[in-house]
């Protein structure tokens, strides 16, 4: 029993020591907004306009070269959760958010365009490299249009090729 308690206390101490309390003032946050060619047929579930999509990025303080990105394709750009901050700080990743809820497939290129614009805006040209995804996925929600990702709108880590640590 004491070994079990030691493991729990050690794990709790590690979580306490490494759990971020929030975004630092020095973290980089940037956003770009695009008009849709075809407005959404309904209001987005998370709110926001029917005729626009915004792409945002959060980059942890101290990251000189972004090594990869976590991308949430169904987010309206709220604050990054503490657990994603911890992952991104550890791996030197960026966190990208875009709301593709009820957006037509041909508009997914806006993520690529957004990453290119954000690369210039943040001074991190490596963000534009994420335009070639490693794999496809289908959304977990049956209500959404079948979302076969052609331009990196996936909720998994995407590694940049050719970037050394």
N, C-alpha and C. Protein backbone atom coordinates (compact mmCIF):
# COMPACT_ATOMS: atom_id res chain seq x y z
N UNK A 1 0.82 -1.19 0.00
CA UNK A 1 0.00 0.00 0.00
C UNK A 1 0.86 1.26 0.00
N UNK A 2 1.96 1.24 0.74
CA UNK A 2 2.81 2.43 0.81
C UNK A 2 3.46 2.72 -0.54
N UNK A 3 3.77 1.67 -1.31
CA UNK A 3 4.35 1.89 -2.64
C UNK A 3 3.33 2.59 -3.55
N UNK A 4 2.07 2.16 -3.45
CA UNK A 4 1.00 2.78 -4.22
C UNK A 4 0.87 4.26 -3.87
N UNK A 5 0.91 4.58 -2.57
CA UNK A 5 0.82 5.97 -2.14
C UNK A 5 2.02 6.78 -2.61
N UNK A 6 3.21 6.17 -2.56
CA UNK A 6 4.40 6.87 -3.04
C UNK A 6 4.27 7.23 -4.52
N UNK A 7 3.75 6.29 -5.30
CA UNK A 7 3.56 6.54 -6.74
C UNK A 7 2.55 7.66 -6.94
N UNK A 8 1.43 7.62 -6.20
CA UNK A 8 0.41 8.67 -6.33
C UNK A 8 0.96 10.04 -5.93
N UNK A 9 1.67 10.09 -4.82
CA UNK A 9 2.24 11.36 -4.36
C UNK A 9 3.26 11.87 -5.37
N UNK A 10 4.11 10.98 -5.88
CA UNK A 10 5.11 11.39 -6.87
C UNK A 10 4.44 11.90 -8.14
N UNK A 11 3.41 11.20 -8.61
CA UNK A 11 2.70 11.62 -9.81
C UNK A 11 2.02 12.96 -9.59
N UNK A 12 1.42 13.13 -8.42
CA UNK A 12 0.77 14.41 -8.10
C UNK A 12 1.77 15.55 -8.04
N UNK A 13 2.94 15.28 -7.48
CA UNK A 13 3.98 16.30 -7.39
C UNK A 13 4.47 16.68 -8.78
N UNK A 14 4.69 15.68 -9.64
CA UNK A 14 5.13 15.95 -11.01
C UNK A 14 4.08 16.78 -11.74
N UNK A 15 2.79 16.40 -11.62
CA UNK A 15 1.72 17.15 -12.27
C UNK A 15 1.66 18.57 -11.75
N UNK A 16 1.84 18.74 -10.45
CA UNK A 16 1.81 20.08 -9.86
C UNK A 16 2.98 20.92 -10.36
N UNK A 17 4.15 20.33 -10.42
CA UNK A 17 5.33 21.08 -10.84
C UNK A 17 5.28 21.47 -12.32
N UNK A 18 4.72 20.62 -13.17
CA UNK A 18 4.75 20.86 -14.61
C UNK A 18 3.43 21.33 -15.19
N UNK A 19 2.43 21.53 -14.37
CA UNK A 19 1.14 21.98 -14.88
C UNK A 19 1.17 23.49 -15.10
N UNK A 20 1.00 23.94 -16.35
CA UNK A 20 1.04 25.38 -16.59
C UNK A 20 -0.20 26.05 -16.00
N UNK A 21 -0.02 27.26 -15.51
CA UNK A 21 -1.13 27.98 -14.91
C UNK A 21 -1.87 28.82 -15.94
N UNK A 22 -1.38 28.91 -17.14
CA UNK A 22 -2.04 29.71 -18.18
C UNK A 22 -1.01 30.24 -19.14
N UNK A 23 -1.50 30.99 -20.10
CA UNK A 23 -0.61 31.55 -21.11
C UNK A 23 0.26 32.63 -20.49
N UNK A 24 1.52 32.64 -20.88
CA UNK A 24 2.42 33.70 -20.45
C UNK A 24 2.17 34.94 -21.29
N UNK A 25 2.54 36.07 -20.76
CA UNK A 25 2.38 37.32 -21.50
C UNK A 25 3.23 37.30 -22.77
N UNK A 26 4.31 36.51 -22.77
CA UNK A 26 5.23 36.47 -23.90
C UNK A 26 4.82 35.46 -24.97
N UNK A 27 3.81 34.64 -24.70
CA UNK A 27 3.35 33.69 -25.72
C UNK A 27 2.85 34.47 -26.93
N UNK A 28 3.00 33.88 -28.10
CA UNK A 28 2.55 34.53 -29.33
C UNK A 28 1.15 34.04 -29.67
N UNK A 29 0.26 34.99 -29.88
CA UNK A 29 -1.10 34.68 -30.30
C UNK A 29 -1.41 35.56 -31.50
N UNK A 30 -1.87 34.94 -32.58
CA UNK A 30 -2.21 35.70 -33.79
C UNK A 30 -3.43 35.09 -34.44
N UNK A 31 -4.16 35.92 -35.18
CA UNK A 31 -5.39 35.47 -35.83
C UNK A 31 -5.55 36.19 -37.16
N UNK A 32 -6.08 35.44 -38.13
CA UNK A 32 -6.46 36.02 -39.42
C UNK A 32 -7.89 35.57 -39.72
N UNK A 33 -8.61 36.39 -40.46
CA UNK A 33 -10.01 36.08 -40.77
C UNK A 33 -10.23 36.14 -42.27
N UNK A 34 -11.05 35.22 -42.77
CA UNK A 34 -11.34 35.16 -44.19
C UNK A 34 -12.85 35.11 -44.41
N UNK A 35 -13.29 35.70 -45.52
CA UNK A 35 -14.69 35.59 -45.91
C UNK A 35 -14.87 34.29 -46.69
N UNK A 36 -15.98 33.62 -46.44
CA UNK A 36 -16.29 32.38 -47.15
C UNK A 36 -16.93 32.71 -48.50
N UNK A 37 -16.61 31.91 -49.52
CA UNK A 37 -17.27 32.06 -50.82
C UNK A 37 -18.75 31.73 -50.68
N UNK A 38 -19.02 30.66 -49.96
CA UNK A 38 -20.40 30.22 -49.72
C UNK A 38 -20.65 30.26 -48.22
N UNK A 39 -21.56 31.12 -47.75
CA UNK A 39 -21.83 31.15 -46.30
C UNK A 39 -22.32 29.80 -45.79
N UNK A 40 -22.11 29.55 -44.53
CA UNK A 40 -22.58 28.31 -43.90
C UNK A 40 -24.11 28.25 -44.00
N UNK A 41 -24.65 27.06 -44.17
CA UNK A 41 -26.11 26.93 -44.27
C UNK A 41 -26.83 27.15 -42.93
N UNK A 42 -26.08 27.13 -41.84
CA UNK A 42 -26.66 27.33 -40.52
C UNK A 42 -25.64 28.04 -39.64
N UNK A 43 -26.07 28.49 -38.49
CA UNK A 43 -25.15 29.10 -37.55
C UNK A 43 -24.17 28.06 -37.03
N UNK A 44 -22.89 28.44 -36.87
CA UNK A 44 -21.92 27.50 -36.29
C UNK A 44 -22.33 27.12 -34.87
N UNK A 45 -22.10 25.88 -34.49
CA UNK A 45 -22.46 25.39 -33.16
C UNK A 45 -21.80 26.23 -32.07
N UNK A 46 -20.56 26.63 -32.29
CA UNK A 46 -19.83 27.40 -31.28
C UNK A 46 -20.09 28.90 -31.35
N UNK A 47 -20.98 29.31 -32.24
CA UNK A 47 -21.26 30.73 -32.41
C UNK A 47 -20.35 31.33 -33.47
N UNK A 48 -20.56 32.58 -33.76
CA UNK A 48 -19.75 33.25 -34.76
C UNK A 48 -20.52 33.47 -36.05
N UNK A 49 -19.94 34.21 -36.97
CA UNK A 49 -20.63 34.55 -38.21
C UNK A 49 -20.73 33.37 -39.17
N UNK A 50 -21.75 33.40 -40.02
CA UNK A 50 -21.93 32.36 -41.03
C UNK A 50 -21.00 32.57 -42.22
N UNK A 51 -20.58 33.79 -42.46
CA UNK A 51 -19.86 34.11 -43.69
C UNK A 51 -18.36 34.28 -43.52
N UNK A 52 -17.82 33.99 -42.34
CA UNK A 52 -16.38 34.16 -42.10
C UNK A 52 -15.80 32.97 -41.35
N UNK A 53 -14.49 32.77 -41.55
CA UNK A 53 -13.73 31.76 -40.82
C UNK A 53 -12.46 32.44 -40.32
N UNK A 54 -12.13 32.21 -39.07
CA UNK A 54 -10.87 32.74 -38.56
C UNK A 54 -9.93 31.57 -38.26
N UNK A 55 -8.65 31.82 -38.50
CA UNK A 55 -7.60 30.85 -38.19
C UNK A 55 -6.71 31.52 -37.17
N UNK A 56 -6.46 30.85 -36.06
CA UNK A 56 -5.61 31.44 -35.03
C UNK A 56 -4.50 30.46 -34.65
N UNK A 57 -3.43 31.02 -34.12
CA UNK A 57 -2.30 30.21 -33.68
C UNK A 57 -1.82 30.72 -32.34
N UNK A 58 -1.43 29.79 -31.48
CA UNK A 58 -0.81 30.09 -30.20
C UNK A 58 0.55 29.40 -30.21
N UNK A 59 1.60 30.17 -29.95
CA UNK A 59 2.96 29.63 -29.91
C UNK A 59 3.55 29.95 -28.54
N UNK A 60 4.03 28.93 -27.82
CA UNK A 60 4.57 29.16 -26.48
C UNK A 60 5.81 30.05 -26.50
N UNK A 61 5.97 30.77 -25.42
CA UNK A 61 7.15 31.61 -25.24
C UNK A 61 8.42 30.77 -25.31
N UNK A 62 9.44 31.29 -25.92
CA UNK A 62 10.73 30.62 -25.98
C UNK A 62 10.91 29.68 -27.15
N UNK A 63 9.88 29.47 -27.95
CA UNK A 63 10.00 28.59 -29.11
C UNK A 63 10.59 29.39 -30.27
N UNK A 64 11.81 29.04 -30.64
CA UNK A 64 12.47 29.74 -31.75
C UNK A 64 12.04 29.16 -33.09
N UNK A 65 11.95 27.85 -33.17
CA UNK A 65 11.48 27.16 -34.37
C UNK A 65 10.37 26.21 -33.97
N UNK A 66 9.19 26.41 -34.55
CA UNK A 66 8.05 25.55 -34.26
C UNK A 66 8.31 24.19 -34.91
N UNK A 67 8.25 23.12 -34.11
CA UNK A 67 8.57 21.78 -34.60
C UNK A 67 7.35 21.02 -35.13
N UNK A 68 6.16 21.49 -34.82
CA UNK A 68 4.94 20.82 -35.25
C UNK A 68 3.75 21.61 -34.80
N UNK A 69 2.55 21.07 -35.03
CA UNK A 69 1.34 21.80 -34.66
C UNK A 69 0.25 20.84 -34.23
N UNK A 70 -0.51 21.26 -33.25
CA UNK A 70 -1.76 20.61 -32.89
C UNK A 70 -2.82 21.47 -33.54
N UNK A 71 -3.74 20.84 -34.26
CA UNK A 71 -4.76 21.61 -34.96
C UNK A 71 -6.15 21.16 -34.53
N UNK A 72 -6.96 22.11 -34.08
CA UNK A 72 -8.34 21.85 -33.70
C UNK A 72 -9.22 22.47 -34.79
N UNK A 73 -9.82 21.65 -35.65
CA UNK A 73 -10.60 22.18 -36.77
C UNK A 73 -12.00 22.64 -36.40
N UNK A 74 -12.40 22.48 -35.14
CA UNK A 74 -13.74 22.88 -34.71
C UNK A 74 -13.65 23.74 -33.46
N UNK A 75 -12.95 24.86 -33.56
CA UNK A 75 -12.77 25.75 -32.43
C UNK A 75 -12.89 27.17 -32.91
N UNK A 76 -13.46 28.02 -32.11
CA UNK A 76 -13.60 29.41 -32.54
C UNK A 76 -12.46 30.30 -32.05
N UNK A 77 -11.39 29.70 -31.59
CA UNK A 77 -10.21 30.47 -31.23
C UNK A 77 -10.18 30.93 -29.79
N UNK A 78 -10.79 30.18 -28.89
CA UNK A 78 -10.76 30.52 -27.47
C UNK A 78 -9.36 30.31 -26.91
N UNK A 79 -9.21 30.61 -25.63
CA UNK A 79 -7.93 30.37 -24.97
C UNK A 79 -7.56 28.90 -25.07
N UNK A 80 -6.28 28.63 -25.19
CA UNK A 80 -5.79 27.25 -25.30
C UNK A 80 -5.84 26.61 -23.92
N UNK A 81 -6.40 25.41 -23.86
CA UNK A 81 -6.51 24.67 -22.60
C UNK A 81 -5.13 24.38 -22.02
N UNK A 82 -5.08 24.26 -20.72
CA UNK A 82 -3.80 24.05 -20.02
C UNK A 82 -3.11 22.77 -20.48
N UNK A 83 -3.87 21.70 -20.75
CA UNK A 83 -3.22 20.45 -21.15
C UNK A 83 -2.60 20.59 -22.55
N UNK A 84 -3.24 21.34 -23.47
CA UNK A 84 -2.62 21.56 -24.79
C UNK A 84 -1.42 22.49 -24.68
N UNK A 85 -1.49 23.45 -23.77
CA UNK A 85 -0.32 24.31 -23.54
C UNK A 85 0.87 23.48 -23.08
N UNK A 86 0.64 22.56 -22.17
CA UNK A 86 1.72 21.72 -21.66
C UNK A 86 2.34 20.89 -22.78
N UNK A 87 1.49 20.29 -23.62
CA UNK A 87 1.98 19.48 -24.74
C UNK A 87 2.80 20.35 -25.69
N UNK A 88 2.24 21.51 -26.05
CA UNK A 88 2.93 22.39 -27.01
C UNK A 88 4.23 22.94 -26.45
N UNK A 89 4.25 23.28 -25.17
CA UNK A 89 5.50 23.76 -24.55
C UNK A 89 6.56 22.65 -24.56
N UNK A 90 6.13 21.44 -24.22
CA UNK A 90 7.08 20.33 -24.16
C UNK A 90 7.67 20.02 -25.54
N UNK A 91 6.82 19.91 -26.56
CA UNK A 91 7.28 19.51 -27.90
C UNK A 91 7.65 20.69 -28.79
N UNK A 92 7.51 21.92 -28.27
CA UNK A 92 7.78 23.13 -29.08
C UNK A 92 6.87 23.16 -30.30
N UNK A 93 5.59 22.91 -30.04
CA UNK A 93 4.56 22.90 -31.07
C UNK A 93 3.74 24.19 -31.00
N UNK A 94 3.07 24.49 -32.08
CA UNK A 94 2.07 25.55 -32.11
C UNK A 94 0.70 24.91 -31.93
N UNK A 95 -0.28 25.70 -31.52
CA UNK A 95 -1.65 25.22 -31.42
C UNK A 95 -2.48 26.06 -32.38
N UNK A 96 -3.06 25.40 -33.37
CA UNK A 96 -3.81 26.09 -34.43
C UNK A 96 -5.29 25.80 -34.23
N UNK A 97 -6.11 26.85 -34.36
CA UNK A 97 -7.55 26.70 -34.22
C UNK A 97 -8.27 27.32 -35.41
N UNK A 98 -9.30 26.63 -35.88
CA UNK A 98 -10.14 27.12 -36.97
C UNK A 98 -11.52 26.50 -36.77
N UNK A 99 -12.58 27.19 -37.19
CA UNK A 99 -13.91 26.62 -37.04
C UNK A 99 -14.48 26.26 -38.41
N UNK A 100 -14.37 24.99 -38.76
CA UNK A 100 -14.88 24.50 -40.05
C UNK A 100 -16.28 23.88 -39.90
N UNK A 101 -16.97 24.15 -38.80
CA UNK A 101 -18.31 23.62 -38.63
C UNK A 101 -19.22 24.17 -39.72
N UNK A 102 -19.85 23.27 -40.47
CA UNK A 102 -20.80 23.59 -41.54
C UNK A 102 -20.17 24.34 -42.71
N UNK A 103 -18.86 24.25 -42.85
CA UNK A 103 -18.16 24.90 -43.97
C UNK A 103 -17.99 23.88 -45.09
N UNK A 104 -18.19 24.32 -46.33
CA UNK A 104 -18.05 23.41 -47.48
C UNK A 104 -16.59 23.00 -47.67
N UNK A 105 -16.41 21.80 -48.23
CA UNK A 105 -15.08 21.23 -48.44
C UNK A 105 -14.13 22.14 -49.20
N UNK A 106 -14.63 22.80 -50.23
CA UNK A 106 -13.75 23.63 -51.05
C UNK A 106 -13.20 24.84 -50.30
N UNK A 107 -13.72 25.12 -49.12
CA UNK A 107 -13.23 26.24 -48.31
C UNK A 107 -12.08 25.83 -47.38
N UNK A 108 -11.77 24.54 -47.29
CA UNK A 108 -10.72 24.08 -46.39
C UNK A 108 -9.35 24.64 -46.77
N UNK A 109 -9.20 25.10 -48.00
CA UNK A 109 -7.93 25.71 -48.41
C UNK A 109 -7.64 26.96 -47.59
N UNK A 110 -8.66 27.50 -46.92
CA UNK A 110 -8.45 28.69 -46.09
C UNK A 110 -7.52 28.40 -44.92
N UNK A 111 -7.46 27.15 -44.48
CA UNK A 111 -6.50 26.82 -43.43
C UNK A 111 -5.08 26.97 -43.93
N UNK A 112 -4.83 26.48 -45.13
CA UNK A 112 -3.49 26.63 -45.72
C UNK A 112 -3.14 28.10 -45.89
N UNK A 113 -4.08 28.86 -46.43
CA UNK A 113 -3.87 30.31 -46.61
C UNK A 113 -3.66 30.98 -45.26
N UNK A 114 -4.45 30.58 -44.27
CA UNK A 114 -4.30 31.14 -42.94
C UNK A 114 -2.95 30.86 -42.33
N UNK A 115 -2.46 29.63 -42.49
CA UNK A 115 -1.14 29.28 -41.96
C UNK A 115 -0.04 30.07 -42.66
N UNK A 116 -0.19 30.28 -43.95
CA UNK A 116 0.80 31.09 -44.67
C UNK A 116 0.80 32.53 -44.16
N UNK A 117 -0.39 33.10 -43.97
CA UNK A 117 -0.49 34.46 -43.44
C UNK A 117 0.03 34.55 -42.01
N UNK A 118 -0.30 33.55 -41.19
CA UNK A 118 0.17 33.55 -39.80
C UNK A 118 1.68 33.35 -39.72
N UNK A 119 2.25 32.61 -40.66
CA UNK A 119 3.71 32.43 -40.69
C UNK A 119 4.39 33.78 -40.87
N UNK A 120 3.85 34.61 -41.75
CA UNK A 120 4.42 35.95 -41.96
C UNK A 120 4.16 36.85 -40.75
N UNK A 121 2.95 36.79 -40.23
CA UNK A 121 2.54 37.66 -39.13
C UNK A 121 3.33 37.39 -37.85
N UNK A 122 3.65 36.12 -37.59
CA UNK A 122 4.34 35.75 -36.34
C UNK A 122 5.85 35.66 -36.47
N UNK A 123 6.36 35.71 -37.71
CA UNK A 123 7.80 35.54 -37.90
C UNK A 123 8.24 34.09 -37.78
N UNK A 124 7.32 33.16 -37.96
CA UNK A 124 7.62 31.72 -37.93
C UNK A 124 7.29 31.12 -39.29
N UNK A 125 8.20 31.22 -40.27
CA UNK A 125 7.92 30.72 -41.62
C UNK A 125 7.64 29.23 -41.66
N UNK A 126 8.08 28.49 -40.65
CA UNK A 126 7.84 27.05 -40.63
C UNK A 126 6.36 26.70 -40.48
N UNK A 127 5.52 27.62 -40.03
CA UNK A 127 4.08 27.36 -39.94
C UNK A 127 3.48 27.06 -41.31
N UNK A 128 4.00 27.68 -42.36
CA UNK A 128 3.47 27.47 -43.71
C UNK A 128 3.75 26.05 -44.21
N UNK A 129 4.70 25.37 -43.63
CA UNK A 129 5.06 24.01 -44.06
C UNK A 129 3.95 23.02 -43.76
N UNK A 130 3.06 23.34 -42.80
CA UNK A 130 2.01 22.40 -42.41
C UNK A 130 0.96 22.20 -43.49
N UNK A 131 1.13 22.83 -44.64
CA UNK A 131 0.13 22.72 -45.70
C UNK A 131 0.03 21.33 -46.30
N UNK A 132 0.96 20.43 -46.04
CA UNK A 132 0.83 19.07 -46.56
C UNK A 132 0.63 18.11 -45.40
N UNK A 133 -0.60 17.68 -45.17
CA UNK A 133 -0.89 16.82 -44.02
C UNK A 133 -0.34 15.42 -44.19
N UNK A 134 -0.20 14.71 -43.09
CA UNK A 134 0.31 13.34 -43.11
C UNK A 134 -0.80 12.32 -43.25
N UNK A 135 -2.03 12.65 -42.85
CA UNK A 135 -3.11 11.67 -42.95
C UNK A 135 -4.47 12.34 -42.97
N UNK A 136 -5.48 11.55 -43.30
CA UNK A 136 -6.86 12.04 -43.34
C UNK A 136 -7.62 11.50 -42.15
N UNK A 137 -8.76 12.10 -41.87
CA UNK A 137 -9.65 11.56 -40.87
C UNK A 137 -11.07 12.00 -41.20
N UNK A 138 -12.02 11.34 -40.61
CA UNK A 138 -13.42 11.75 -40.75
C UNK A 138 -13.86 12.29 -39.41
N UNK A 139 -14.71 13.27 -39.40
CA UNK A 139 -15.14 13.87 -38.13
C UNK A 139 -15.87 12.86 -37.28
N UNK A 140 -15.85 13.09 -35.99
CA UNK A 140 -16.56 12.19 -35.08
C UNK A 140 -18.04 12.49 -35.08
N UNK A 141 -18.42 13.65 -35.55
CA UNK A 141 -19.83 14.02 -35.53
C UNK A 141 -20.50 13.67 -36.85
N UNK A 142 -21.57 12.91 -36.79
CA UNK A 142 -22.29 12.53 -38.00
C UNK A 142 -23.08 13.71 -38.55
N UNK A 143 -23.34 14.73 -37.73
CA UNK A 143 -24.09 15.89 -38.19
C UNK A 143 -23.28 16.72 -39.17
N UNK A 144 -22.00 16.74 -39.01
CA UNK A 144 -21.15 17.55 -39.89
C UNK A 144 -21.06 16.91 -41.27
N UNK A 145 -20.75 17.73 -42.21
CA UNK A 145 -20.50 17.20 -43.55
C UNK A 145 -19.32 16.25 -43.44
N UNK A 146 -19.23 15.29 -44.31
CA UNK A 146 -18.09 14.38 -44.27
C UNK A 146 -16.86 15.22 -44.50
N UNK A 147 -16.00 15.22 -43.53
CA UNK A 147 -14.83 16.09 -43.59
C UNK A 147 -13.61 15.24 -43.88
N UNK A 148 -13.32 15.08 -45.14
CA UNK A 148 -12.09 14.41 -45.53
C UNK A 148 -11.07 15.51 -45.67
N UNK A 149 -10.07 15.45 -44.86
CA UNK A 149 -9.16 16.56 -44.78
C UNK A 149 -8.16 16.55 -45.93
N UNK A 150 -8.14 17.64 -46.64
CA UNK A 150 -7.20 17.79 -47.73
C UNK A 150 -6.14 18.82 -47.39
N UNK A 151 -6.38 19.60 -46.36
CA UNK A 151 -5.44 20.68 -46.04
C UNK A 151 -5.16 20.81 -44.56
N UNK A 152 -4.85 19.71 -43.91
CA UNK A 152 -4.32 19.71 -42.55
C UNK A 152 -5.31 20.11 -41.46
N UNK A 153 -6.58 19.97 -41.67
CA UNK A 153 -7.54 20.26 -40.60
C UNK A 153 -7.75 19.02 -39.77
N UNK A 154 -6.75 18.56 -39.11
CA UNK A 154 -6.85 17.34 -38.32
C UNK A 154 -6.49 17.63 -36.88
N UNK A 155 -7.08 16.86 -35.98
CA UNK A 155 -6.82 17.07 -34.56
C UNK A 155 -5.78 16.07 -34.08
N UNK A 156 -4.62 16.15 -34.70
CA UNK A 156 -3.52 15.30 -34.26
C UNK A 156 -2.23 16.05 -34.58
N UNK A 157 -1.15 15.60 -34.03
CA UNK A 157 0.12 16.28 -34.25
C UNK A 157 0.56 16.10 -35.70
N UNK A 158 1.01 17.16 -36.28
CA UNK A 158 1.54 17.11 -37.63
C UNK A 158 2.99 17.56 -37.54
N UNK A 159 3.92 16.70 -37.84
CA UNK A 159 5.33 17.06 -37.75
C UNK A 159 5.76 17.78 -39.02
N UNK A 160 6.62 18.74 -38.84
CA UNK A 160 7.19 19.42 -39.99
C UNK A 160 8.37 18.58 -40.48
N UNK A 161 8.49 18.41 -41.76
CA UNK A 161 9.62 17.65 -42.27
C UNK A 161 10.80 18.57 -42.48
N UNK A 162 11.96 18.07 -42.24
CA UNK A 162 13.17 18.84 -42.47
C UNK A 162 13.53 19.85 -41.39
N UNK A 163 12.83 19.88 -40.29
CA UNK A 163 13.14 20.83 -39.22
C UNK A 163 13.90 20.07 -38.15
N UNK A 164 15.11 20.53 -37.88
CA UNK A 164 15.90 19.83 -36.86
C UNK A 164 15.63 20.43 -35.49
N UNK A 165 15.92 19.63 -34.46
CA UNK A 165 15.65 20.09 -33.09
C UNK A 165 16.82 20.86 -32.55
